[in-house]
Each structure stands twice: as structure tokens, then as C-alpha cells.
C-alpha atoms as a PDB file:
ATOM      1  CA  MET A   1      41.836 -50.635  -8.314  1.00  0.00           C
ATOM      2  CA  ILE A   2      40.154 -47.692  -6.604  1.00  0.00           C
ATOM      3  CA  ASP A   3      37.590 -45.830  -8.684  1.00  0.00           C
ATOM      4  CA  PRO A   4      38.233 -42.104  -9.049  1.00  0.00           C
ATOM      5  CA  PRO A   5      35.923 -39.919  -6.986  1.00  0.00           C
ATOM      6  CA  ASP A   6      32.740 -38.738  -8.628  1.00  0.00           C
ATOM      7  CA  PRO A   7      33.215 -35.025  -9.423  1.00  0.00           C
ATOM      8  CA  TYR A   8      29.613 -34.402  -8.375  1.00  0.00           C
ATOM      9  CA  ASP A   9      30.101 -35.794  -4.870  1.00  0.00           C
ATOM     10  CA  ARG A  10      31.786 -32.557  -3.828  1.00  0.00           C
ATOM     11  CA  PHE A  11      28.534 -30.676  -4.409  1.00  0.00           C
ATOM     12  CA  ALA A  12      26.529 -33.056  -2.219  1.00  0.00           C
ATOM     13  CA  GLY A  13      28.680 -32.211   0.798  1.00  0.00           C
ATOM     14  CA  GLU A  14      28.592 -28.436   0.438  1.00  0.00           C
ATOM     15  CA  GLU A  15      27.197 -26.652   3.468  1.00  0.00           C
ATOM     16  CA  TYR A  16      25.161 -24.106   1.524  1.00  0.00           C
ATOM     17  CA  LEU A  17      23.439 -26.531  -0.843  1.00  0.00           C
ATOM     18  CA  PRO A  18      19.778 -27.038   0.151  1.00  0.00           C
ATOM     19  CA  TYR A  19      19.773 -30.691  -0.999  1.00  0.00           C
ATOM     20  CA  GLU A  20      21.478 -33.862   0.145  1.00  0.00           C
ATOM     21  CA  GLY A  21      23.290 -36.200  -2.232  1.00  0.00           C
ATOM     22  CA  PRO A  22      24.016 -38.156  -4.167  1.00  0.00           C
ATOM     23  CA  LEU A  23      23.606 -35.756  -7.050  1.00  0.00           C
ATOM     24  CA  HIS A  24      23.456 -36.729 -10.693  1.00  0.00           C
ATOM     25  CA  PRO A  25      24.284 -34.545 -13.702  1.00  0.00           C
ATOM     26  CA  ARG A  26      21.515 -33.524 -16.087  1.00  0.00           C
ATOM     27  CA  PRO A  27      21.998 -33.266 -19.857  1.00  0.00           C
ATOM     28  CA  PRO A  28      22.292 -29.619 -20.919  1.00  0.00           C
ATOM     29  CA  GLY A  29      19.468 -27.967 -22.845  1.00  0.00           C
ATOM     30  CA  TRP A  30      19.805 -25.627 -25.747  1.00  0.00           C
ATOM     31  CA  GLU A  31      19.173 -21.916 -25.783  1.00  0.00           C
ATOM     32  CA  THR A  32      16.337 -20.915 -28.103  1.00  0.00           C
ATOM     33  CA  GLY A  33      16.775 -17.133 -28.029  1.00  0.00           C
ATOM     34  CA  GLY A  34      14.597 -14.464 -26.505  1.00  0.00           C
ATOM     35  CA  PRO A  35      11.203 -13.208 -27.667  1.00  0.00           C
ATOM     36  CA  ALA A  36      10.708 -10.313 -30.051  1.00  0.00           C
ATOM     37  CA  PRO A  37       9.873  -6.923 -28.495  1.00  0.00           C
ATOM     38  CA  GLU A  38       6.179  -7.265 -29.399  1.00  0.00           C
ATOM     39  CA  GLU A  39       6.094 -10.587 -27.506  1.00  0.00           C
ATOM     40  CA  CYS A  40       8.303  -9.525 -24.588  1.00  0.00           C
ATOM     41  CA  GLU A  41       6.635 -10.040 -21.203  1.00  0.00           C
ATOM     42  CA  ALA A  42       8.543  -7.151 -19.639  1.00  0.00           C
ATOM     43  CA  CYS A  43       7.506  -4.748 -22.400  1.00  0.00           C
ATOM     44  CA  ARG A  44       3.855  -5.778 -22.203  1.00  0.00           C
ATOM     45  CA  ALA A  45       3.559  -5.692 -18.406  1.00  0.00           C
ATOM     46  CA  PRO A  46       1.591  -2.685 -17.064  1.00  0.00           C
ATOM     47  CA  ASP A  47       3.073  -0.380 -14.431  1.00  0.00           C
ATOM     48  CA  ASP A  48       0.585  -1.709 -11.878  1.00  0.00           C
ATOM     49  CA  ALA A  49       2.458  -5.030 -11.922  1.00  0.00           C
ATOM     50  CA  TYR A  50       5.515  -3.337 -10.408  1.00  0.00           C
ATOM     51  CA  VAL A  51       6.552  -2.009  -7.003  1.00  0.00           C
ATOM     52  CA  TRP A  52       8.051   1.263  -8.262  1.00  0.00           C
ATOM     53  CA  VAL A  53       8.283   2.844 -11.707  1.00  0.00           C
ATOM     54  CA  SER A  54       9.954   5.831 -13.347  1.00  0.00           C
ATOM     55  CA  ASP A  55      10.424   7.142 -16.869  1.00  0.00           C
ATOM     56  CA  ARG A  56      13.300   4.770 -17.632  1.00  0.00           C
ATOM     57  CA  TRP A  57      13.295   2.085 -14.917  1.00  0.00           C
ATOM     58  CA  ARG A  58      10.860  -0.258 -13.194  1.00  0.00           C
ATOM     59  CA  VAL A  59      11.250  -2.492 -10.138  1.00  0.00           C
ATOM     60  CA  ARG A  60       9.114  -5.591  -9.712  1.00  0.00           C
ATOM     61  CA  SER A  61       8.907  -8.388  -7.179  1.00  0.00           C
ATOM     62  CA  THR A  62       7.894 -12.008  -7.447  1.00  0.00           C
ATOM     63  CA  GLN A  63       4.155 -12.518  -7.924  1.00  0.00           C
ATOM     64  CA  ARG A  64       3.814 -14.038  -4.456  1.00  0.00           C
ATOM     65  CA  PRO A  65       5.978 -14.546  -1.346  1.00  0.00           C
ATOM     66  CA  THR A  66       8.816 -17.036  -1.679  1.00  0.00           C
ATOM     67  CA  GLY A  67      11.332 -18.543   0.734  1.00  0.00           C
ATOM     68  CA  LEU A  68      13.649 -15.526   0.874  1.00  0.00           C
ATOM     69  CA  PRO A  69      12.615 -12.304   2.658  1.00  0.00           C
ATOM     70  CA  VAL A  70      12.077 -10.628  -0.708  1.00  0.00           C
ATOM     71  CA  VAL A  71      13.201 -10.875  -4.331  1.00  0.00           C
ATOM     72  CA  PHE A  72      13.217  -7.919  -6.740  1.00  0.00           C
ATOM     73  CA  GLY A  73      13.915  -7.474 -10.432  1.00  0.00           C
ATOM     74  CA  LEU A  74      15.233  -4.193 -11.873  1.00  0.00           C
ATOM     75  CA  GLU A  75      14.263  -3.561 -15.505  1.00  0.00           C
ATOM     76  CA  CYS A  76      14.860  -0.746 -17.950  1.00  0.00           C
ATOM     77  CA  ARG A  77      11.812   0.384 -19.886  1.00  0.00           C
ATOM     78  CA  PRO A  78      13.320   0.151 -23.391  1.00  0.00           C
ATOM     79  CA  HIS A  79      13.685  -3.326 -24.873  1.00  0.00           C
ATOM     80  CA  LEU A  80      17.462  -3.446 -24.464  1.00  0.00           C
ATOM     81  CA  ASP A  81      19.883  -6.016 -23.110  1.00  0.00           C
ATOM     82  CA  LEU A  82      22.848  -5.203 -20.886  1.00  0.00           C
ATOM     83  CA  GLY A  83      25.333  -4.625 -23.705  1.00  0.00           C
ATOM     84  CA  ASP A  84      22.832  -2.531 -25.668  1.00  0.00           C
ATOM     85  CA  LEU A  85      22.243   0.141 -23.014  1.00  0.00           C
ATOM     86  CA  THR A  86      22.861   3.750 -23.936  1.00  0.00           C
ATOM     87  CA  ASN A  87      25.469   5.668 -21.967  1.00  0.00           C
ATOM     88  CA  LEU A  88      22.722   7.328 -19.935  1.00  0.00           C
ATOM     89  CA  LEU A  89      21.012   4.033 -19.047  1.00  0.00           C
ATOM     90  CA  ALA A  90      24.365   2.393 -18.325  1.00  0.00           C
ATOM     91  CA  ALA A  91      25.240   5.147 -15.862  1.00  0.00           C
ATOM     92  CA  GLU A  92      21.806   5.011 -14.270  1.00  0.00           C
ATOM     93  CA  LEU A  93      22.047   1.221 -13.942  1.00  0.00           C
ATOM     94  CA  GLY A  94      24.948   1.649 -11.524  1.00  0.00           C
ATOM     95  CA  VAL A  95      23.058   4.211  -9.468  1.00  0.00           C
ATOM     96  CA  MET A  96      19.863   2.135  -9.438  1.00  0.00           C
ATOM     97  CA  THR A  97      21.760  -1.017  -8.457  1.00  0.00           C
ATOM     98  CA  VAL A  98      23.340   0.631  -5.415  1.00  0.00           C
ATOM     99  CA  ARG A  99      20.125   2.420  -4.486  1.00  0.00           C
ATOM    100  CA  LEU A 100      18.000  -0.745  -4.609  1.00  0.00           C
ATOM    101  CA  GLU A 101      20.630  -2.807  -2.798  1.00  0.00           C
ATOM    102  CA  ARG A 102      20.711  -0.297   0.057  1.00  0.00           C
ATOM    103  CA  ALA A 103      16.935  -0.258   0.277  1.00  0.00           C
ATOM    104  CA  ILE A 104      16.707  -4.062   0.515  1.00  0.00           C
ATOM    105  CA  ARG A 105      19.613  -4.333   2.948  1.00  0.00           C
ATOM    106  CA  SER A 106      17.865  -1.872   5.276  1.00  0.00           C
ATOM    107  CA  LEU A 107      14.898  -4.229   5.727  1.00  0.00           C
ATOM    108  CA  PRO A 108      14.515  -6.126   9.022  1.00  0.00           C
ATOM    109  CA  GLY A 109      15.660  -9.733   8.761  1.00  0.00           C
ATOM    110  CA  VAL A 110      17.968  -9.155   5.782  1.00  0.00           C
ATOM    111  CA  SER A 111      21.710  -9.701   6.225  1.00  0.00           C
ATOM    112  CA  GLN A 112      22.961  -9.400   2.658  1.00  0.00           C
ATOM    113  CA  VAL A 113      21.735  -8.807  -0.892  1.00  0.00           C
ATOM    114  CA  HIS A 114      22.792 -10.910  -3.868  1.00  0.00           C
ATOM    115  CA  VAL A 115      22.769  -9.147  -7.243  1.00  0.00           C
ATOM    116  CA  ASN A 116      22.474 -11.408 -10.283  1.00  0.00           C
ATOM    117  CA  ARG A 117      21.785 -11.042 -13.944  1.00  0.00           C
ATOM    118  CA  TRP A 118      20.516 -14.099 -15.814  1.00  0.00           C
ATOM    119  CA  GLY A 119      19.672 -13.497 -19.452  1.00  0.00           C
ATOM    120  CA  ASP A 120      19.782 -16.983 -20.920  1.00  0.00           C
ATOM    121  CA  ASP A 121      16.463 -16.767 -22.785  1.00  0.00           C
ATOM    122  CA  GLU A 122      15.716 -13.054 -22.512  1.00  0.00           C
ATOM    123  CA  THR A 123      16.713 -10.000 -24.520  1.00  0.00           C
ATOM    124  CA  HIS A 124      15.228  -7.467 -22.097  1.00  0.00           C
ATOM    125  CA  LEU A 125      17.560  -6.558 -19.235  1.00  0.00           C
ATOM    126  CA  ARG A 126      16.456  -7.689 -15.786  1.00  0.00           C
ATOM    127  CA  VAL A 127      18.825  -7.642 -12.804  1.00  0.00           C
ATOM    128  CA  TRP A 128      17.709  -9.756  -9.838  1.00  0.00           C
ATOM    129  CA  PHE A 129      18.159  -8.747  -6.194  1.00  0.00           C
ATOM    130  CA  LEU A 130      17.817 -11.603  -3.694  1.00  0.00           C
ATOM    131  CA  ALA A 131      17.627 -10.831   0.033  1.00  0.00           C
ATOM    132  CA  GLU A 132      19.655 -13.227   2.157  1.00  0.00           C
ATOM    133  CA  PRO A 133      17.845 -14.046   5.430  1.00  0.00           C
ATOM    134  CA  GLU A 134      19.423 -13.002   8.696  1.00  0.00           C
ATOM    135  CA  GLY A 135      20.256 -15.487  11.436  1.00  0.00           C
ATOM    136  CA  PRO A 136      22.133 -18.765  11.931  1.00  0.00           C
ATOM    137  CA  THR A 137      21.383 -20.349   8.570  1.00  0.00           C
ATOM    138  CA  ASN A 138      23.268 -21.841   5.681  1.00  0.00           C
ATOM    139  CA  ALA A 139      20.917 -20.226   3.162  1.00  0.00           C
ATOM    140  CA  ARG A 140      23.628 -18.155   1.579  1.00  0.00           C
ATOM    141  CA  GLY A 141      26.297 -18.200  -1.084  1.00  0.00           C
ATOM    142  CA  ARG A 142      25.869 -19.208  -4.686  1.00  0.00           C
ATOM    143  CA  TYR A 143      22.950 -21.525  -3.927  1.00  0.00           C
ATOM    144  CA  LEU A 144      20.714 -18.788  -2.533  1.00  0.00           C
ATOM    145  CA  PRO A 145      18.306 -19.013  -5.522  1.00  0.00           C
ATOM    146  CA  ALA A 146      17.807 -22.702  -4.730  1.00  0.00           C
ATOM    147  CA  TRP A 147      17.013 -21.870  -1.100  1.00  0.00           C
ATOM    148  CA  ASP A 148      14.391 -19.431  -2.347  1.00  0.00           C
ATOM    149  CA  ARG A 149      12.500 -22.425  -3.742  1.00  0.00           C
ATOM    150  CA  THR A 150      13.181 -24.654  -0.726  1.00  0.00           C
ATOM    151  CA  LEU A 151      12.406 -22.525   2.342  1.00  0.00           C
ATOM    152  CA  PRO A 152       8.773 -22.013   3.440  1.00  0.00           C
ATOM    153  CA  ALA A 153       7.162 -18.928   1.959  1.00  0.00           C
ATOM    154  CA  VAL A 154       7.324 -15.838   4.174  1.00  0.00           C
ATOM    155  CA  PRO A 155       4.014 -14.460   5.581  1.00  0.00           C
ATOM    156  CA  VAL A 156       2.083 -12.382   3.067  1.00  0.00           C
ATOM    157  CA  GLY A 157       1.731  -9.396   5.405  1.00  0.00           C
ATOM    158  CA  ASP A 158       5.449  -9.190   6.152  1.00  0.00           C
ATOM    159  CA  TRP A 159       6.260  -9.605   2.476  1.00  0.00           C
ATOM    160  CA  ASN A 160       3.913  -6.799   1.434  1.00  0.00           C
ATOM    161  CA  ASP A 161       5.361  -4.518   4.128  1.00  0.00           C
ATOM    162  CA  ARG A 162       8.841  -5.074   2.719  1.00  0.00           C
ATOM    163  CA  LEU A 163       7.664  -4.248  -0.785  1.00  0.00           C
ATOM    164  CA  ALA A 164       6.105  -1.018   0.482  1.00  0.00           C
ATOM    165  CA  LEU A 165       9.262  -0.026   2.362  1.00  0.00           C
ATOM    166  CA  VAL A 166      11.463  -0.537  -0.690  1.00  0.00           C
ATOM    167  CA  GLY A 167       8.960   1.347  -2.826  1.00  0.00           C
ATOM    168  CA  ALA A 168       8.991   4.231  -0.351  1.00  0.00           C
ATOM    169  CA  TRP A 169      12.814   4.257  -0.325  1.00  0.00           C
ATOM    170  CA  LEU A 170      12.950   4.492  -4.123  1.00  0.00           C
ATOM    171  CA  GLY A 171      10.093   6.982  -4.165  1.00  0.00           C
ATOM    172  CA  GLY A 172      12.230   9.364  -2.144  1.00  0.00           C
ATOM    173  CA  PHE A 173      14.358   9.828  -5.264  1.00  0.00           C
ATOM    174  CA  GLY A 174      11.418  10.300  -7.643  1.00  0.00           C
ATOM    175  CA  GLY A 175       9.282   8.042  -9.760  1.00  0.00           C
ATOM    176  CA  ARG A 176       5.970   6.575  -8.626  1.00  0.00           C
ATOM    177  CA  ILE A 177       5.323   4.118  -5.785  1.00  0.00           C
ATOM    178  CA  VAL A 178       2.896   1.396  -6.849  1.00  0.00           C
ATOM    179  CA  VAL A 179       2.693  -0.833  -3.747  1.00  0.00           C
ATOM    180  CA  ALA A 180       0.978   0.810  -0.777  1.00  0.00           C
ATOM    181  CA  PRO A 181       1.732  -0.117   2.865  1.00  0.00           C
ATOM    182  CA  ARG A 182      -0.585  -2.510   4.642  1.00  0.00           C
ATOM    183  CA  ARG A 183      -3.606  -0.909   6.311  1.00  0.00           C
ATOM    184  CA  PHE A 184      -4.389  -1.888   9.878  1.00  0.00           C
ATOM    185  CA  ASP A 185      -7.957  -2.763  10.855  1.00  0.00           C
ATOM    186  CA  TRP A 186      -8.087  -0.654  14.017  1.00  0.00           C
ATOM    187  CA  GLN A 187     -10.708  -1.570  16.613  1.00  0.00           C
ATOM    188  CA  PRO A 188     -11.484   0.135  19.951  1.00  0.00           C
ATOM    189  CA  LEU A 189     -10.247  -1.658  23.047  1.00  0.00           C
ATOM    190  CA  SER A 190     -12.768  -4.122  24.384  1.00  0.00           C
ATOM    191  CA  GLY A 191     -15.036  -2.612  27.034  1.00  0.00           C
ATOM    192  CA  HIS A 192     -14.204   1.017  26.136  1.00  0.00           C
ATOM    193  CA  SER A 193     -16.354   3.349  24.062  1.00  0.00           C
ATOM    194  CA  ALA A 194     -14.970   5.836  21.571  1.00  0.00           C
ATOM    195  CA  ALA A 195     -15.888   8.695  23.916  1.00  0.00           C
ATOM    196  CA  GLU A 196     -13.927   7.118  26.767  1.00  0.00           C
ATOM    197  CA  LEU A 197     -10.875   6.666  24.557  1.00  0.00           C
ATOM    198  CA  THR A 198     -11.068  10.310  23.420  1.00  0.00           C
ATOM    199  CA  GLU A 199     -11.290  11.496  27.035  1.00  0.00           C
ATOM    200  CA  SER A 200      -8.343   9.307  27.996  1.00  0.00           C
ATOM    201  CA  ALA A 201      -6.254  10.785  25.160  1.00  0.00           C
ATOM    202  CA  GLU A 202      -7.033  14.317  26.286  1.00  0.00           C
ATOM    203  CA  LEU A 203      -6.066  13.534  29.884  1.00  0.00           C
ATOM    204  CA  THR A 204      -2.698  12.115  28.823  1.00  0.00           C
ATOM    205  CA  GLY A 205      -1.957  15.144  26.661  1.00  0.00           C
ATOM    206  CA  ALA A 206      -2.239  13.291  23.363  1.00  0.00           C
ATOM    207  CA  ALA A 207      -4.301  16.143  21.936  1.00  0.00           C
ATOM    208  CA  GLU A 208      -1.319  18.466  22.416  1.00  0.00           C
ATOM    209  CA  LEU A 209       0.881  16.495  20.039  1.00  0.00           C
ATOM    210  CA  PRO A 210       1.675  18.350  16.790  1.00  0.00           C
ATOM    211  CA  GLY A 211      -1.035  17.610  14.246  1.00  0.00           C
ATOM    212  CA  ALA A 212      -3.192  15.609  16.647  1.00  0.00           C
ATOM    213  CA  ALA A 213      -6.151  17.991  16.491  1.00  0.00           C
ATOM    214  CA  GLU A 214      -6.077  18.126  12.697  1.00  0.00           C
ATOM    215  CA  ALA A 215      -5.822  14.340  12.433  1.00  0.00           C
ATOM    216  CA  GLY A 216      -8.712  13.905  14.822  1.00  0.00           C
ATOM    217  CA  ALA A 217     -10.866  16.293  12.822  1.00  0.00           C
ATOM    218  CA  GLU A 218     -10.132  14.417   9.602  1.00  0.00           C
ATOM    219  CA  LEU A 219     -10.998  11.057  11.142  1.00  0.00           C
ATOM    220  CA  THR A 220     -14.209  12.489  12.600  1.00  0.00           C
ATOM    221  CA  ALA A 221     -15.176  13.711   9.154  1.00  0.00           C
ATOM    222  CA  GLY A 222     -14.806  10.142   7.865  1.00  0.00           C
ATOM    223  CA  SER A 223     -11.666  10.582   5.796  1.00  0.00           C
ATOM    224  CA  ASP A 224      -9.477   7.626   4.920  1.00  0.00           C
ATOM    225  CA  PRO A 225      -6.428   7.415   7.264  1.00  0.00           C
ATOM    226  CA  GLY A 226      -4.347   5.907   4.457  1.00  0.00           C
ATOM    227  CA  GLU A 227      -5.297   8.452   1.827  1.00  0.00           C
ATOM    228  CA  GLY A 228      -2.349  10.063   0.090  1.00  0.00           C
ATOM    229  CA  ARG A 229       0.151   7.404   1.130  1.00  0.00           C
END
């Protein structure tokens, strides 16, 4: 007699699964319910822990780089779950979802954006946006969250740049950008003094560029090049 096939074997052969079989089922756990509003992590988190904030919405990232290009969470400020949203927040959720998806999809190295809402042990709405990496890879499909834990973490500098770009995109519609772009530690070219570089710029017409004279005066006065960004 031939034994029937193990129903879990089909998962082990799936192209997009980041693990090889055989796989074994795990006993299910039991939901315990979400925390009260006074104990809610999302309610207690300060705005500085986010990438972008507004009066009714906040966008956060993971605390550190992970395997995917970037991962964001969209939260409403009030302690409400999806089905508890007011008509205004429900309408804005659709706008914010499309707006954030477009911002993430515009990033270099991102081919697609997965939008998920997991609320198994939470009562405060958080919608997750996972950036699918671009290129010949099988890190896609329904197992993308598992790939996020399996792939090597992306470089910190690239990750921070992506956060700043998404924050700037959202900031164009209002709210406040929390994450600033990375500052470059500029150094003069080896073997050239600052005076020589200034003379070279004048000869090539760089001083005639719009705003070049004003920018040069500010830098000479010792102002911060990144101030106001």
C-alpha cells in the first residue's frame, strides 16, 4: 500500500519559500488579545521614533536594517483597529496606502511593494509595507516576510537614505519629516588646497550657476550645509 503524500511536502518544493524541506507542522498557539490603550506600544511611542508624522497618521520603519530594501508600518494616531476607524480615517487610509506604496516603489532596487495587515495580538491599526527587492531572485510572493528574516541585512547607509527619501515624499503632502538624509563628510581632493579648488571652480564657470555665490558665502561663514533639510 502506498502512503498518501504528506500535505506539507508541497510547501518544501515551492520556489519562493526561503527554506528547504522537509517541513513539519507546529501546534497552533492561542490568541491572548491586545494590550489596553495605556499599555499600547504604538500609543506610547514618541514621534521621534517614526520616519514621518502628521496630525492623524504616523509612518515608522523597522528599528534596524533587515533583509528587504525597506519595511514600513503605517499607523493611525488614535487607538483604533481597522474596523473601528471613523469615516474620515477610513478615507484617509486609502489615500495614505497609495501614497506610501508609490513612495516605496519609486526607490532604487525595489520592484514591488507588498501591503499587509496583521493584527493577531494588536488592537492598534498598523499596516505593513514590505519592499520586494529587484533582480533575478525568488524573494517574492507570500513568503516575502520570511525572506526579510533570511536575507543579509542591507547596508545601514543605503537603508537610511531610503527612509529619508520616503519621508521627503510624504513630506511633500504635509506633516513633518523625522528622518534626515545622510550627510556626506566632504574632504578636499588630495594635493589641492581650498584656494586652488575655488580658483578651479571660477575658471570652469561654477560661480555663475544660480545660487552658487550665495551658497559659497554661507559655507565661508561656517553655516551647516544640511541645515533646514
